[in-house]
Amino acid sequence: MSELSKIDVICDMSKFTSIKKELSELNVGGMTFTQVLGCGVEGGTRSNDSQTEKNPEMALLPKIQVSIVVETKRVKKITDELLDKLYTGHIGDGKIFIYSLDNAIRVRTGEEGVEAL
């Protein structure tokens, strides 16, 4: 198993402050926030009735994508805390994607792997 993992969180823009605060409290060394447009299986609707009324065209909603790279052994703790912050029980709570990384290199020093974080 890789010792580095990337976590991407895609969620509503209103969660920006709470996610940033949570990641800071978890001592995540760096993060990237990007404003994106997207939708999931709900097709861009914010209603719980999306299963019965399918939109003919998807509506792309404003979201944020938060990307972090951490030691793999920290992934469970970080994702558990993020799930707690993101969960409302409504459509559009978001998604968390976890990837194994082969390596990370700090350009300035040439450090690799966990040391590069």
N, C-alpha and C. Protein backbone atom coordinates (compact mmCIF):
# COMPACT_ATOMS: atom_id res chain seq x y z
N MET A 1 0.84 -1.18 0.00
CA MET A 1 0.00 0.00 0.00
C MET A 1 0.89 1.25 0.00
N SER A 2 0.47 2.24 -0.74
CA SER A 2 1.21 3.50 -0.82
C SER A 2 1.18 4.22 0.53
N GLU A 3 2.25 4.94 0.83
CA GLU A 3 2.26 5.68 2.09
C GLU A 3 1.68 7.08 1.94
N LEU A 4 1.34 7.47 0.70
CA LEU A 4 0.71 8.77 0.44
C LEU A 4 -0.65 8.57 -0.18
N SER A 5 -1.60 9.40 0.22
CA SER A 5 -2.94 9.37 -0.36
C SER A 5 -3.40 10.79 -0.66
N LYS A 6 -4.19 10.91 -1.71
CA LYS A 6 -4.81 12.18 -2.06
C LYS A 6 -6.29 12.06 -1.74
N ILE A 7 -6.83 13.07 -1.09
CA ILE A 7 -8.24 13.13 -0.79
C ILE A 7 -8.82 14.33 -1.52
N ASP A 8 -9.84 14.08 -2.34
CA ASP A 8 -10.59 15.15 -3.01
C ASP A 8 -11.99 15.17 -2.42
N VAL A 9 -12.43 16.33 -2.00
CA VAL A 9 -13.77 16.52 -1.48
C VAL A 9 -14.48 17.48 -2.42
N ILE A 10 -15.66 17.09 -2.88
CA ILE A 10 -16.49 17.99 -3.69
C ILE A 10 -17.78 18.20 -2.92
N CYS A 11 -18.09 19.46 -2.64
CA CYS A 11 -19.27 19.76 -1.82
C CYS A 11 -19.77 21.17 -2.11
N ASP A 12 -20.84 21.53 -1.43
CA ASP A 12 -21.45 22.84 -1.58
C ASP A 12 -20.50 23.93 -1.12
N MET A 13 -20.54 25.06 -1.78
CA MET A 13 -19.64 26.17 -1.47
C MET A 13 -19.83 26.68 -0.05
N SER A 14 -21.00 26.48 0.53
CA SER A 14 -21.26 26.97 1.88
C SER A 14 -20.41 26.24 2.93
N LYS A 15 -19.79 25.13 2.57
CA LYS A 15 -18.98 24.35 3.50
C LYS A 15 -17.51 24.78 3.52
N PHE A 16 -17.15 25.76 2.72
CA PHE A 16 -15.76 26.20 2.59
C PHE A 16 -15.10 26.49 3.94
N THR A 17 -15.72 27.35 4.74
CA THR A 17 -15.13 27.77 6.01
C THR A 17 -14.98 26.61 6.98
N SER A 18 -16.00 25.77 7.09
CA SER A 18 -15.93 24.67 8.05
C SER A 18 -14.89 23.62 7.64
N ILE A 19 -14.77 23.36 6.34
CA ILE A 19 -13.76 22.40 5.89
C ILE A 19 -12.35 22.95 6.11
N LYS A 20 -12.15 24.21 5.77
CA LYS A 20 -10.84 24.83 5.96
C LYS A 20 -10.44 24.80 7.44
N LYS A 21 -11.37 25.13 8.30
CA LYS A 21 -11.11 25.11 9.74
C LYS A 21 -10.80 23.70 10.22
N GLU A 22 -11.58 22.72 9.79
CA GLU A 22 -11.38 21.33 10.21
C GLU A 22 -10.02 20.81 9.76
N LEU A 23 -9.64 21.06 8.51
CA LEU A 23 -8.35 20.60 8.01
C LEU A 23 -7.20 21.28 8.75
N SER A 24 -7.37 22.53 9.11
CA SER A 24 -6.34 23.23 9.89
C SER A 24 -6.20 22.60 11.26
N GLU A 25 -7.34 22.30 11.90
CA GLU A 25 -7.32 21.68 13.22
C GLU A 25 -6.71 20.28 13.18
N LEU A 26 -6.83 19.60 12.04
CA LEU A 26 -6.25 18.26 11.88
C LEU A 26 -4.78 18.32 11.45
N ASN A 27 -4.22 19.53 11.41
CA ASN A 27 -2.81 19.74 11.04
C ASN A 27 -2.47 19.22 9.65
N VAL A 28 -3.40 19.41 8.72
CA VAL A 28 -3.10 19.08 7.32
C VAL A 28 -2.19 20.20 6.81
N GLY A 29 -1.05 19.81 6.24
CA GLY A 29 -0.01 20.78 5.89
C GLY A 29 -0.30 21.66 4.71
N GLY A 30 -1.15 21.23 3.82
CA GLY A 30 -1.46 22.03 2.64
C GLY A 30 -2.76 21.58 2.03
N MET A 31 -3.42 22.49 1.37
CA MET A 31 -4.69 22.16 0.73
C MET A 31 -4.91 23.07 -0.46
N THR A 32 -5.67 22.59 -1.42
CA THR A 32 -6.02 23.39 -2.59
C THR A 32 -7.54 23.44 -2.69
N PHE A 33 -8.08 24.65 -2.78
CA PHE A 33 -9.52 24.85 -2.95
C PHE A 33 -9.75 25.39 -4.35
N THR A 34 -10.69 24.78 -5.05
CA THR A 34 -11.02 25.21 -6.40
C THR A 34 -12.53 25.36 -6.52
N GLN A 35 -12.98 26.44 -7.13
CA GLN A 35 -14.40 26.59 -7.42
C GLN A 35 -14.70 25.81 -8.70
N VAL A 36 -15.70 24.94 -8.64
CA VAL A 36 -16.05 24.10 -9.77
C VAL A 36 -17.56 24.14 -9.98
N LEU A 37 -18.00 23.62 -11.11
CA LEU A 37 -19.42 23.42 -11.39
C LEU A 37 -19.65 21.93 -11.56
N GLY A 38 -20.76 21.43 -11.06
CA GLY A 38 -21.01 20.01 -11.23
C GLY A 38 -22.35 19.59 -10.68
N CYS A 39 -22.65 18.32 -10.88
CA CYS A 39 -23.84 17.72 -10.31
C CYS A 39 -23.61 16.23 -10.22
N GLY A 40 -24.38 15.60 -9.38
CA GLY A 40 -24.31 14.15 -9.23
C GLY A 40 -25.51 13.50 -9.87
N VAL A 41 -25.93 12.38 -9.30
CA VAL A 41 -27.05 11.64 -9.86
C VAL A 41 -28.35 12.43 -9.80
N GLU A 42 -28.38 13.46 -8.96
CA GLU A 42 -29.59 14.27 -8.85
C GLU A 42 -29.79 15.18 -10.06
N GLY A 43 -28.79 15.27 -10.93
CA GLY A 43 -28.91 16.07 -12.14
C GLY A 43 -28.91 17.56 -11.90
N GLY A 44 -28.48 17.98 -10.72
CA GLY A 44 -28.39 19.41 -10.43
C GLY A 44 -29.56 19.95 -9.64
N THR A 45 -30.52 19.10 -9.29
CA THR A 45 -31.64 19.57 -8.49
C THR A 45 -31.27 19.52 -7.01
N ARG A 46 -31.84 20.37 -6.21
CA ARG A 46 -31.59 20.36 -4.77
C ARG A 46 -32.77 19.73 -4.03
N SER A 47 -33.68 19.15 -4.76
CA SER A 47 -34.90 18.59 -4.18
C SER A 47 -34.73 17.10 -3.94
N ASN A 48 -35.41 16.58 -2.93
CA ASN A 48 -35.41 15.15 -2.66
C ASN A 48 -36.29 14.40 -3.65
N ASP A 49 -37.03 15.11 -4.50
CA ASP A 49 -37.91 14.48 -5.48
C ASP A 49 -37.19 14.17 -6.78
N SER A 50 -35.88 14.26 -6.80
CA SER A 50 -35.15 14.09 -8.06
C SER A 50 -35.29 12.69 -8.65
N GLN A 51 -35.62 11.71 -7.82
CA GLN A 51 -35.74 10.36 -8.33
C GLN A 51 -37.01 10.19 -9.17
N THR A 52 -38.04 10.99 -8.87
CA THR A 52 -39.30 10.84 -9.60
C THR A 52 -39.39 11.76 -10.80
N GLU A 53 -38.76 12.91 -10.72
CA GLU A 53 -38.82 13.87 -11.83
C GLU A 53 -37.41 14.10 -12.37
N LYS A 54 -37.08 13.44 -13.44
CA LYS A 54 -35.77 13.60 -14.05
C LYS A 54 -35.75 14.85 -14.92
N ASN A 55 -34.72 15.67 -14.72
CA ASN A 55 -34.54 16.84 -15.56
C ASN A 55 -34.04 16.39 -16.93
N PRO A 56 -34.56 16.96 -18.03
CA PRO A 56 -34.08 16.57 -19.34
C PRO A 56 -32.62 16.98 -19.56
N GLU A 57 -32.18 18.02 -18.87
CA GLU A 57 -30.80 18.49 -19.00
C GLU A 57 -30.23 18.74 -17.60
N MET A 58 -29.01 18.28 -17.38
CA MET A 58 -28.39 18.47 -16.07
C MET A 58 -28.12 19.95 -15.83
N ALA A 59 -28.34 20.38 -14.60
CA ALA A 59 -28.00 21.73 -14.19
C ALA A 59 -26.72 21.66 -13.38
N LEU A 60 -25.72 22.41 -13.78
CA LEU A 60 -24.45 22.41 -13.06
C LEU A 60 -24.51 23.45 -11.95
N LEU A 61 -24.27 22.99 -10.74
CA LEU A 61 -24.34 23.86 -9.56
C LEU A 61 -22.94 24.24 -9.10
N PRO A 62 -22.79 25.44 -8.51
CA PRO A 62 -21.48 25.82 -7.98
C PRO A 62 -21.11 24.95 -6.79
N LYS A 63 -19.89 24.45 -6.81
CA LYS A 63 -19.35 23.59 -5.76
C LYS A 63 -17.92 24.01 -5.48
N ILE A 64 -17.33 23.44 -4.44
CA ILE A 64 -15.90 23.58 -4.23
C ILE A 64 -15.28 22.19 -4.29
N GLN A 65 -14.04 22.14 -4.74
CA GLN A 65 -13.26 20.92 -4.70
C GLN A 65 -12.05 21.20 -3.83
N VAL A 66 -11.90 20.42 -2.79
CA VAL A 66 -10.80 20.55 -1.85
C VAL A 66 -9.89 19.35 -2.05
N SER A 67 -8.61 19.60 -2.32
CA SER A 67 -7.64 18.52 -2.52
C SER A 67 -6.54 18.62 -1.48
N ILE A 68 -6.24 17.47 -0.86
CA ILE A 68 -5.15 17.41 0.09
C ILE A 68 -4.36 16.12 -0.15
N VAL A 69 -3.09 16.14 0.23
CA VAL A 69 -2.26 14.93 0.19
C VAL A 69 -1.75 14.70 1.60
N VAL A 70 -1.95 13.48 2.09
CA VAL A 70 -1.59 13.14 3.47
C VAL A 70 -0.96 11.75 3.52
N GLU A 71 -0.39 11.43 4.67
CA GLU A 71 0.06 10.07 4.89
C GLU A 71 -1.16 9.16 4.90
N THR A 72 -1.06 8.02 4.27
CA THR A 72 -2.19 7.09 4.15
C THR A 72 -2.77 6.73 5.51
N LYS A 73 -1.92 6.60 6.53
CA LYS A 73 -2.42 6.23 7.85
C LYS A 73 -3.33 7.28 8.47
N ARG A 74 -3.37 8.49 7.92
CA ARG A 74 -4.23 9.57 8.43
C ARG A 74 -5.57 9.67 7.71
N VAL A 75 -5.74 8.93 6.62
CA VAL A 75 -6.93 9.06 5.78
C VAL A 75 -8.23 8.80 6.55
N LYS A 76 -8.30 7.75 7.30
CA LYS A 76 -9.54 7.38 8.02
C LYS A 76 -9.96 8.48 8.97
N LYS A 77 -9.05 8.98 9.79
CA LYS A 77 -9.37 10.05 10.75
C LYS A 77 -9.85 11.30 10.03
N ILE A 78 -9.15 11.69 8.98
CA ILE A 78 -9.51 12.90 8.24
C ILE A 78 -10.87 12.75 7.58
N THR A 79 -11.10 11.63 6.91
CA THR A 79 -12.40 11.45 6.23
C THR A 79 -13.54 11.34 7.23
N ASP A 80 -13.32 10.71 8.37
CA ASP A 80 -14.37 10.65 9.39
C ASP A 80 -14.76 12.05 9.85
N GLU A 81 -13.77 12.90 10.08
CA GLU A 81 -14.05 14.28 10.52
C GLU A 81 -14.75 15.08 9.42
N LEU A 82 -14.31 14.89 8.18
CA LEU A 82 -14.95 15.60 7.06
C LEU A 82 -16.40 15.15 6.88
N LEU A 83 -16.63 13.85 6.98
CA LEU A 83 -18.01 13.34 6.88
C LEU A 83 -18.90 13.97 7.93
N ASP A 84 -18.39 14.12 9.14
CA ASP A 84 -19.16 14.73 10.22
C ASP A 84 -19.50 16.19 9.90
N LYS A 85 -18.56 16.91 9.30
CA LYS A 85 -18.79 18.32 8.95
C LYS A 85 -19.72 18.48 7.75
N LEU A 86 -19.67 17.56 6.80
CA LEU A 86 -20.41 17.70 5.55
C LEU A 86 -21.85 17.17 5.61
N TYR A 87 -22.11 16.19 6.46
CA TYR A 87 -23.40 15.49 6.44
C TYR A 87 -24.56 16.37 6.88
N THR A 88 -25.58 16.45 6.01
CA THR A 88 -26.85 17.08 6.38
C THR A 88 -28.00 16.10 6.17
N GLY A 89 -27.76 15.05 5.39
CA GLY A 89 -28.81 14.09 5.07
C GLY A 89 -29.61 14.49 3.84
N HIS A 90 -29.22 15.57 3.19
CA HIS A 90 -29.93 16.05 2.01
C HIS A 90 -29.11 15.80 0.75
N ILE A 91 -29.79 15.78 -0.38
CA ILE A 91 -29.12 15.68 -1.67
C ILE A 91 -28.12 16.82 -1.79
N GLY A 92 -26.95 16.50 -2.31
CA GLY A 92 -25.93 17.52 -2.51
C GLY A 92 -24.92 17.64 -1.39
N ASP A 93 -24.94 16.70 -0.44
CA ASP A 93 -23.95 16.73 0.65
C ASP A 93 -22.53 16.61 0.12
N GLY A 94 -22.35 15.97 -1.03
CA GLY A 94 -21.03 15.92 -1.65
C GLY A 94 -20.48 14.51 -1.76
N LYS A 95 -19.23 14.45 -2.18
CA LYS A 95 -18.52 13.19 -2.36
C LYS A 95 -17.09 13.37 -1.87
N ILE A 96 -16.50 12.26 -1.41
CA ILE A 96 -15.09 12.23 -1.05
C ILE A 96 -14.45 11.12 -1.87
N PHE A 97 -13.37 11.46 -2.56
CA PHE A 97 -12.62 10.50 -3.37
C PHE A 97 -11.23 10.35 -2.75
N ILE A 98 -10.75 9.10 -2.67
CA ILE A 98 -9.45 8.82 -2.08
C ILE A 98 -8.61 8.06 -3.11
N TYR A 99 -7.39 8.54 -3.31
CA TYR A 99 -6.48 7.96 -4.30
C TYR A 99 -5.16 7.60 -3.63
N SER A 100 -4.55 6.51 -4.05
CA SER A 100 -3.18 6.20 -3.64
C SER A 100 -2.23 6.95 -4.56
N LEU A 101 -1.18 7.51 -3.98
CA LEU A 101 -0.18 8.24 -4.77
C LEU A 101 1.14 7.50 -4.76
N ASP A 102 1.83 7.53 -5.87
CA ASP A 102 3.14 6.90 -5.96
C ASP A 102 4.21 7.74 -5.28
N ASN A 103 4.11 9.06 -5.40
CA ASN A 103 5.16 9.90 -4.86
C ASN A 103 4.72 11.35 -4.84
N ALA A 104 5.42 12.14 -4.07
CA ALA A 104 5.30 13.60 -4.07
C ALA A 104 6.71 14.14 -3.97
N ILE A 105 6.99 15.21 -4.66
CA ILE A 105 8.33 15.80 -4.65
C ILE A 105 8.21 17.29 -4.36
N ARG A 106 8.93 17.73 -3.34
CA ARG A 106 8.99 19.17 -3.04
C ARG A 106 10.04 19.77 -3.97
N VAL A 107 9.63 20.64 -4.85
CA VAL A 107 10.52 21.17 -5.88
C VAL A 107 11.71 21.91 -5.27
N ARG A 108 11.47 22.72 -4.25
CA ARG A 108 12.53 23.55 -3.68
C ARG A 108 13.68 22.73 -3.12
N THR A 109 13.37 21.60 -2.44
CA THR A 109 14.41 20.84 -1.74
C THR A 109 14.72 19.48 -2.37
N GLY A 110 13.82 18.99 -3.22
CA GLY A 110 13.99 17.66 -3.78
C GLY A 110 13.52 16.54 -2.87
N GLU A 111 13.00 16.89 -1.70
CA GLU A 111 12.49 15.86 -0.78
C GLU A 111 11.36 15.10 -1.45
N GLU A 112 11.26 13.82 -1.11
CA GLU A 112 10.23 12.96 -1.72
C GLU A 112 9.41 12.26 -0.66
N GLY A 113 8.25 11.75 -1.10
CA GLY A 113 7.38 10.98 -0.22
C GLY A 113 6.83 11.81 0.91
N VAL A 114 6.70 11.19 2.08
CA VAL A 114 6.14 11.87 3.26
C VAL A 114 6.95 13.10 3.61
N GLU A 115 8.26 13.05 3.44
CA GLU A 115 9.12 14.21 3.75
C GLU A 115 8.77 15.43 2.90
N ALA A 116 8.20 15.21 1.73
CA ALA A 116 7.83 16.32 0.84
C ALA A 116 6.60 17.06 1.33
N LEU A 117 5.84 16.42 2.21
CA LEU A 117 4.62 17.06 2.70
C LEU A 117 4.97 18.12 3.72
